[in-house]
Amino acid sequence: MATAKKAATKGLEALFLDGLKDIYYAEKKILKALPKMAKGAESEDVSAAFEKHLQETEGQVDRLEQIFELLDKPARGKTCPAIDGIIEEGSEILQEYKGDPALDAGLVGAAQAVEHYEIARYGTLIAWAEQLGKSDVVTLLNETLEEETATDEALSSLGEGGVNERALEQAA
C-alpha cells in the first residue's frame, strides 16, 4: 500500500508573506486609481485629499519594499480580488455620477472603503509580524497603519464637513 506524500504545510510565516504580497499589489493599484479620483472630483478639498493620499501611498509602497528587503524576499504583488472590486466600484461612481452633485460624496465613500480594507489588512499583518518576532517590520507597518487611520479620519471629516450635505442640497 503506497502512502501519499503529504504536501508541505504552510505556517504563519508563509501566510504573512502572502499578506504582504496582497497589500503590495493593493497599494500599487491604489497608486493608479488615486490620480483619476483626484482629477474627477468636483471639490478642490476632495481632490487635494486624494493628491495627499497619493504621496502617502508612494511612501507606503517604499516601506513595503523595505520590508521585503528585510525579509530577503523579492517585492512582488499577489492579485487581490478584494481591492480590485473596491477600486472598480470607485471607477463606476466616477463614471455614473460625473457632473452630478453626489460625485464627491460617492468618491469619499469609495476612498473610505479602500482605507477600511487597508486598515484591516495592516492590522492583521502587524499582529502576525509581532507573533513572528519581526519588530523591525512591525515598526514600518505601524507607520503605515497610522497614516491609513489618519486618512480615514480626514475622509470622514470631508464627508461630515459638507460634501454629503452638498450632495443632498444640490440634488433637492
C-alpha atoms as a PDB file:
ATOM      1  CA  MET A   1       0.000   0.000   0.000  1.00  0.00           C
ATOM      2  CA  ALA A   2       1.615   3.234  -1.148  1.00  0.00           C
ATOM      3  CA  THR A   3       1.467   6.203   1.146  1.00  0.00           C
ATOM      4  CA  ALA A   4       0.635   9.531  -0.350  1.00  0.00           C
ATOM      5  CA  LYS A   5       3.220  12.212   0.226  1.00  0.00           C
ATOM      6  CA  LYS A   6       1.792  14.978   2.333  1.00  0.00           C
ATOM      7  CA  ALA A   7       2.189  18.440   0.858  1.00  0.00           C
ATOM      8  CA  ALA A   8       4.472  20.726   2.793  1.00  0.00           C
ATOM      9  CA  THR A   9       2.493  22.518   5.458  1.00  0.00           C
ATOM     10  CA  LYS A  10       2.349  26.274   5.419  1.00  0.00           C
ATOM     11  CA  GLY A  11       2.635  28.234   8.617  1.00  0.00           C
ATOM     12  CA  LEU A  12       2.285  31.795   9.808  1.00  0.00           C
ATOM     13  CA  GLU A  13       5.478  32.873   8.004  1.00  0.00           C
ATOM     14  CA  ALA A  14       4.012  31.875   4.614  1.00  0.00           C
ATOM     15  CA  LEU A  15       0.669  33.456   5.473  1.00  0.00           C
ATOM     16  CA  PHE A  16       2.438  36.673   6.494  1.00  0.00           C
ATOM     17  CA  LEU A  17       4.395  36.783   3.238  1.00  0.00           C
ATOM     18  CA  ASP A  18       1.198  36.200   1.230  1.00  0.00           C
ATOM     19  CA  GLY A  19      -0.445  39.047   3.148  1.00  0.00           C
ATOM     20  CA  LEU A  20       2.461  41.348   2.308  1.00  0.00           C
ATOM     21  CA  LYS A  21       2.184  40.428  -1.367  1.00  0.00           C
ATOM     22  CA  ASP A  22      -1.555  41.119  -1.233  1.00  0.00           C
ATOM     23  CA  ILE A  23      -1.195  44.591   0.293  1.00  0.00           C
ATOM     24  CA  TYR A  24       1.724  45.409  -2.028  1.00  0.00           C
ATOM     25  CA  TYR A  25      -0.490  44.635  -5.021  1.00  0.00           C
ATOM     26  CA  ALA A  26      -3.292  46.682  -3.435  1.00  0.00           C
ATOM     27  CA  GLU A  27      -1.075  49.723  -2.805  1.00  0.00           C
ATOM     28  CA  LYS A  28       0.197  49.631  -6.408  1.00  0.00           C
ATOM     29  CA  LYS A  29      -3.402  49.524  -7.697  1.00  0.00           C
ATOM     30  CA  ILE A  30      -4.328  52.405  -5.404  1.00  0.00           C
ATOM     31  CA  LEU A  31      -1.413  54.419  -6.838  1.00  0.00           C
ATOM     32  CA  LYS A  32      -3.025  54.089 -10.272  1.00  0.00           C
ATOM     33  CA  ALA A  33      -6.550  54.906  -9.073  1.00  0.00           C
ATOM     34  CA  LEU A  34      -5.854  57.993  -6.926  1.00  0.00           C
ATOM     35  CA  PRO A  35      -4.873  60.375  -9.769  1.00  0.00           C
ATOM     36  CA  LYS A  36      -8.115  59.511 -11.584  1.00  0.00           C
ATOM     37  CA  MET A  37     -10.124  60.165  -8.444  1.00  0.00           C
ATOM     38  CA  ALA A  38      -8.312  63.448  -7.799  1.00  0.00           C
ATOM     39  CA  LYS A  39      -8.917  64.585 -11.368  1.00  0.00           C
ATOM     40  CA  GLY A  40     -12.570  63.518 -11.315  1.00  0.00           C
ATOM     41  CA  ALA A  41     -13.504  65.162  -8.016  1.00  0.00           C
ATOM     42  CA  GLU A  42     -15.611  68.313  -8.183  1.00  0.00           C
ATOM     43  CA  SER A  43     -14.423  69.849  -4.908  1.00  0.00           C
ATOM     44  CA  GLU A  44     -10.890  71.150  -4.513  1.00  0.00           C
ATOM     45  CA  ASP A  45     -10.855  69.757  -0.963  1.00  0.00           C
ATOM     46  CA  VAL A  46     -11.675  66.252  -2.159  1.00  0.00           C
ATOM     47  CA  SER A  47      -9.145  66.480  -4.975  1.00  0.00           C
ATOM     48  CA  ALA A  48      -6.473  67.722  -2.549  1.00  0.00           C
ATOM     49  CA  ALA A  49      -7.214  64.847  -0.159  1.00  0.00           C
ATOM     50  CA  PHE A  50      -6.646  62.338  -2.971  1.00  0.00           C
ATOM     51  CA  GLU A  51      -3.414  64.090  -4.008  1.00  0.00           C
ATOM     52  CA  LYS A  52      -2.166  63.983  -0.411  1.00  0.00           C
ATOM     53  CA  HIS A  53      -3.020  60.309  -0.124  1.00  0.00           C
ATOM     54  CA  LEU A  54      -1.215  59.632  -3.402  1.00  0.00           C
ATOM     55  CA  GLN A  55       2.003  60.973  -1.875  1.00  0.00           C
ATOM     56  CA  GLU A  56       1.462  58.924   1.275  1.00  0.00           C
ATOM     57  CA  THR A  57       0.777  55.786  -0.764  1.00  0.00           C
ATOM     58  CA  GLU A  58       4.092  56.224  -2.580  1.00  0.00           C
ATOM     59  CA  GLY A  59       5.789  56.207   0.825  1.00  0.00           C
ATOM     60  CA  GLN A  60       3.784  53.155   1.862  1.00  0.00           C
ATOM     61  CA  VAL A  61       4.943  51.264  -1.216  1.00  0.00           C
ATOM     62  CA  ASP A  62       8.521  52.242  -0.354  1.00  0.00           C
ATOM     63  CA  ARG A  63       8.017  50.920   3.190  1.00  0.00           C
ATOM     64  CA  LEU A  64       6.645  47.634   1.880  1.00  0.00           C
ATOM     65  CA  GLU A  65       9.685  47.323  -0.386  1.00  0.00           C
ATOM     66  CA  GLN A  66      11.893  47.872   2.685  1.00  0.00           C
ATOM     67  CA  ILE A  67      10.007  45.089   4.457  1.00  0.00           C
ATOM     68  CA  PHE A  68      10.519  42.673   1.559  1.00  0.00           C
ATOM     69  CA  GLU A  69      14.211  43.596   1.640  1.00  0.00           C
ATOM     70  CA  LEU A  70      14.406  42.953   5.399  1.00  0.00           C
ATOM     71  CA  LEU A  71      12.834  39.548   4.800  1.00  0.00           C
ATOM     72  CA  ASP A  72      15.234  38.888   1.918  1.00  0.00           C
ATOM     73  CA  LYS A  73      12.273  38.353  -0.429  1.00  0.00           C
ATOM     74  CA  PRO A  74      11.511  39.984  -3.778  1.00  0.00           C
ATOM     75  CA  ALA A  75       8.935  42.784  -3.647  1.00  0.00           C
ATOM     76  CA  ARG A  76       6.183  41.125  -5.604  1.00  0.00           C
ATOM     77  CA  GLY A  77       2.439  41.505  -5.519  1.00  0.00           C
ATOM     78  CA  LYS A  78      -0.219  38.842  -5.465  1.00  0.00           C
ATOM     79  CA  THR A  79      -3.534  39.560  -7.171  1.00  0.00           C
ATOM     80  CA  CYS A  80      -6.019  40.867  -4.639  1.00  0.00           C
ATOM     81  CA  PRO A  81      -9.609  40.467  -5.843  1.00  0.00           C
ATOM     82  CA  ALA A  82     -10.871  42.468  -2.853  1.00  0.00           C
ATOM     83  CA  ILE A  83      -9.034  45.672  -3.785  1.00  0.00           C
ATOM     84  CA  ASP A  84      -9.802  45.118  -7.475  1.00  0.00           C
ATOM     85  CA  GLY A  85     -13.508  45.095  -6.597  1.00  0.00           C
ATOM     86  CA  ILE A  86     -13.327  48.122  -4.321  1.00  0.00           C
ATOM     87  CA  ILE A  87     -11.433  50.133  -6.953  1.00  0.00           C
ATOM     88  CA  GLU A  88     -13.887  49.026  -9.640  1.00  0.00           C
ATOM     89  CA  GLU A  89     -16.737  50.374  -7.503  1.00  0.00           C
ATOM     90  CA  GLY A  90     -14.910  53.707  -7.266  1.00  0.00           C
ATOM     91  CA  SER A  91     -14.471  53.773 -11.049  1.00  0.00           C
ATOM     92  CA  GLU A  92     -18.179  53.138 -11.509  1.00  0.00           C
ATOM     93  CA  ILE A  93     -19.038  56.052  -9.208  1.00  0.00           C
ATOM     94  CA  LEU A  94     -16.664  58.258 -11.180  1.00  0.00           C
ATOM     95  CA  GLN A  95     -18.407  57.332 -14.458  1.00  0.00           C
ATOM     96  CA  GLU A  96     -22.014  57.168 -13.265  1.00  0.00           C
ATOM     97  CA  TYR A  97     -22.001  60.374 -11.189  1.00  0.00           C
ATOM     98  CA  LYS A  98     -19.701  62.581 -13.259  1.00  0.00           C
ATOM     99  CA  GLY A  99     -21.053  66.125 -13.119  1.00  0.00           C
ATOM    100  CA  ASP A 100     -23.701  65.166 -10.548  1.00  0.00           C
ATOM    101  CA  PRO A 101     -23.975  66.624  -7.028  1.00  0.00           C
ATOM    102  CA  ALA A 102     -23.341  63.261  -5.376  1.00  0.00           C
ATOM    103  CA  LEU A 103     -19.999  62.611  -7.119  1.00  0.00           C
ATOM    104  CA  ASP A 104     -17.717  63.838  -4.340  1.00  0.00           C
ATOM    105  CA  ALA A 105     -19.741  62.093  -1.621  1.00  0.00           C
ATOM    106  CA  GLY A 106     -19.510  58.867  -3.642  1.00  0.00           C
ATOM    107  CA  LEU A 107     -15.763  59.260  -4.185  1.00  0.00           C
ATOM    108  CA  VAL A 108     -15.182  59.905  -0.482  1.00  0.00           C
ATOM    109  CA  GLY A 109     -17.222  56.806   0.350  1.00  0.00           C
ATOM    110  CA  ALA A 110     -15.281  54.715  -2.160  1.00  0.00           C
ATOM    111  CA  ALA A 111     -11.991  56.004  -0.762  1.00  0.00           C
ATOM    112  CA  GLN A 112     -13.096  55.066   2.745  1.00  0.00           C
ATOM    113  CA  ALA A 113     -13.853  51.533   1.573  1.00  0.00           C
ATOM    114  CA  VAL A 114     -10.233  51.361   0.383  1.00  0.00           C
ATOM    115  CA  GLU A 115      -8.972  52.754   3.705  1.00  0.00           C
ATOM    116  CA  HIS A 116     -11.005  50.295   5.742  1.00  0.00           C
ATOM    117  CA  TYR A 117      -9.633  47.397   3.719  1.00  0.00           C
ATOM    118  CA  GLU A 118      -6.083  48.669   4.220  1.00  0.00           C
ATOM    119  CA  ILE A 119      -6.597  49.263   7.948  1.00  0.00           C
ATOM    120  CA  ALA A 120      -7.862  45.695   8.368  1.00  0.00           C
ATOM    121  CA  ARG A 121      -5.012  44.232   6.322  1.00  0.00           C
ATOM    122  CA  TYR A 122      -2.252  46.232   8.059  1.00  0.00           C
ATOM    123  CA  GLY A 123      -3.688  45.426  11.498  1.00  0.00           C
ATOM    124  CA  THR A 124      -3.554  41.724  10.700  1.00  0.00           C
ATOM    125  CA  LEU A 125      -0.021  41.956   9.296  1.00  0.00           C
ATOM    126  CA  ILE A 126       1.145  43.768  12.438  1.00  0.00           C
ATOM    127  CA  ALA A 127      -0.313  41.047  14.662  1.00  0.00           C
ATOM    128  CA  TRP A 128       1.379  38.343  12.591  1.00  0.00           C
ATOM    129  CA  ALA A 129       4.721  40.187  12.477  1.00  0.00           C
ATOM    130  CA  GLU A 130       4.600  40.569  16.268  1.00  0.00           C
ATOM    131  CA  GLN A 131       3.885  36.847  16.632  1.00  0.00           C
ATOM    132  CA  LEU A 132       6.827  36.098  14.327  1.00  0.00           C
ATOM    133  CA  GLY A 133       9.144  38.389  16.342  1.00  0.00           C
ATOM    134  CA  LYS A 134       9.761  40.800  13.460  1.00  0.00           C
ATOM    135  CA  SER A 135       9.912  44.052  15.454  1.00  0.00           C
ATOM    136  CA  ASP A 136      11.661  45.996  12.674  1.00  0.00           C
ATOM    137  CA  VAL A 137       8.815  45.078  10.324  1.00  0.00           C
ATOM    138  CA  VAL A 138       6.179  45.935  12.962  1.00  0.00           C
ATOM    139  CA  THR A 139       7.591  49.453  13.212  1.00  0.00           C
ATOM    140  CA  LEU A 140       7.295  50.008   9.450  1.00  0.00           C
ATOM    141  CA  LEU A 141       3.790  48.525   9.287  1.00  0.00           C
ATOM    142  CA  ASN A 142       2.664  50.672  12.235  1.00  0.00           C
ATOM    143  CA  GLU A 143       3.799  53.829  10.427  1.00  0.00           C
ATOM    144  CA  THR A 144       1.573  52.911   7.506  1.00  0.00           C
ATOM    145  CA  LEU A 145      -1.369  51.921   9.714  1.00  0.00           C
ATOM    146  CA  GLU A 146      -1.198  55.322  11.437  1.00  0.00           C
ATOM    147  CA  GLU A 147      -1.286  57.066   8.041  1.00  0.00           C
ATOM    148  CA  GLU A 148      -4.212  54.949   6.853  1.00  0.00           C
ATOM    149  CA  THR A 149      -6.167  55.707  10.030  1.00  0.00           C
ATOM    150  CA  ALA A 150      -5.446  59.443   9.709  1.00  0.00           C
ATOM    151  CA  THR A 151      -6.563  59.381   6.057  1.00  0.00           C
ATOM    152  CA  ASP A 152      -9.801  57.629   7.024  1.00  0.00           C
ATOM    153  CA  GLU A 153     -10.446  60.300   9.670  1.00  0.00           C
ATOM    154  CA  ALA A 154      -9.714  63.068   7.141  1.00  0.00           C
ATOM    155  CA  LEU A 155     -12.156  61.500   4.680  1.00  0.00           C
ATOM    156  CA  SER A 156     -14.821  61.312   7.400  1.00  0.00           C
ATOM    157  CA  SER A 157     -14.246  65.000   8.112  1.00  0.00           C
ATOM    158  CA  LEU A 158     -14.670  65.809   4.417  1.00  0.00           C
ATOM    159  CA  GLY A 159     -17.984  63.979   4.351  1.00  0.00           C
ATOM    160  CA  GLU A 160     -19.208  65.498   7.587  1.00  0.00           C
ATOM    161  CA  GLY A 161     -17.773  68.894   6.647  1.00  0.00           C
ATOM    162  CA  GLY A 162     -20.144  69.435   3.785  1.00  0.00           C
ATOM    163  CA  VAL A 163     -19.536  67.003   0.921  1.00  0.00           C
ATOM    164  CA  ASN A 164     -22.523  64.867   1.935  1.00  0.00           C
ATOM    165  CA  GLU A 165     -24.730  67.905   2.631  1.00  0.00           C
ATOM    166  CA  ARG A 166     -23.877  69.481  -0.734  1.00  0.00           C
ATOM    167  CA  ALA A 167     -24.863  66.248  -2.469  1.00  0.00           C
ATOM    168  CA  LEU A 168     -28.198  66.289  -0.651  1.00  0.00           C
ATOM    169  CA  GLU A 169     -28.939  70.003  -1.121  1.00  0.00           C
ATOM    170  CA  GLN A 170     -27.943  70.207  -4.766  1.00  0.00           C
ATOM    171  CA  ALA A 171     -29.994  67.157  -5.664  1.00  0.00           C
ATOM    172  CA  ALA A 172     -33.144  68.509  -3.990  1.00  0.00           C
END
